């Protein structure tokens, strides 16, 4: 299978979208497929990358660490023809996403789109929310998503948002998995803690994020004094970089927490699992996550999670307890105390979740989606009824790989012209 991924965000840019795409590329290549990334240029990239095609781009005016491509469609189209692309998977609604839509239309191949970002939560970056309204976000999202044959949502919560936007195309919930990391030796983990001044008997809260307003890291800092009244040997590590970093450091100083909060800065992807395994609990109070890959990375590193309750995390909790989900930020201190006391419970229950959130499970589901859509598109080309053949919204039920064969027929709804 030859798969073309169109995205404005890819490594070395740091984001959940970039990580998701990298996971897709690696797992499909390991299973014998060809994955080609069509993305933006990046000043940090030098040399040739395997199956990655970069096109001239400029920094996004309101979001300097993200880029927008200014590509020439003809060159992209010819490359996709040369590579005999079978399916296009767009991961952005901007410049490269539009290129992907055009390629799929001209080549008459399936177009899958993953809607990653809950843009309503990011409008504050655009002149404090005064430039683009929610109504505009809804309209533009609907226009783009309705070009696809299928829309993938990383969570049920995001699907509900898209349904509210009145997206007409089928929406399938598929959370990105992550590769299950190897267990890191105790000497390496002790070295990580020692490097950042964390004693063996201190209880380490870890949060790895882009340091920005939507991650709600201020709330964690403000709740820390209450946590310390219950667990005096707590330390908090806020790893990452971003526009709010200096503000958080200033708040830390104002609260007299310099000896309790650590800012290690950007963590290289190759070393991120060392931080997870060196910590005692992962914490995140963001309300803007559509899935939250850092939650999944924590779970696969056998690290319990404290986070705001979302439909996606609640569904994982139904499989096995993995920490504590909050209804209110004010519940955070007690949640830390609870997880601290019940450490042994999570050591065992996290094992039950590993495969469900793994890259292998993600691959199985996405492979069947690609295969199904390619077959459906091929049949449309051959059949004179193609203009009347539609995918039913029951596609959302096609979740468990083992159930796919008997679901194929029920997922297609053949209608003749004139039928009600």
Foldseek 3Di string as FASTA:
>chain_A
DEEEEFEADAPPQDDPLNQLVVLLQVVVVVVPYHYAYEYADDPVDDDDDPRYHHAYWAADPLARSTIAHDHDLVVVLVVCVVSVHAEYEYEDLGDRLVSSLVSCVVVLHAYEYEDFFPCVLVCCSPVHNPPDDPVNVLVSVLVSLLSHQEYEFQFVVVVVVNVVSVRPHAYAHFHRFAAQDDQDDPVLLVVVCVVQVQDPPAAEEEEEDAPDDQQVVVLVLVCVVVLCVVVVRYAYEYEEYYDCVVVVVVVCVVVVNPVRYHYPYHDDPVCVLSVLLSHAAYETEGPGGSADVVCNSNLSSLHAYEYADDRNVVVLVVQDHRFYHDPDSNCVSVSVVVCVVPVVRSSPRSVRCNVVRHSVLSNLQVVVVSVLRSVLSVVLVVDPQNVQKGFDSCVNVSRDNVCPVVCSVVRIDGDHPPDD
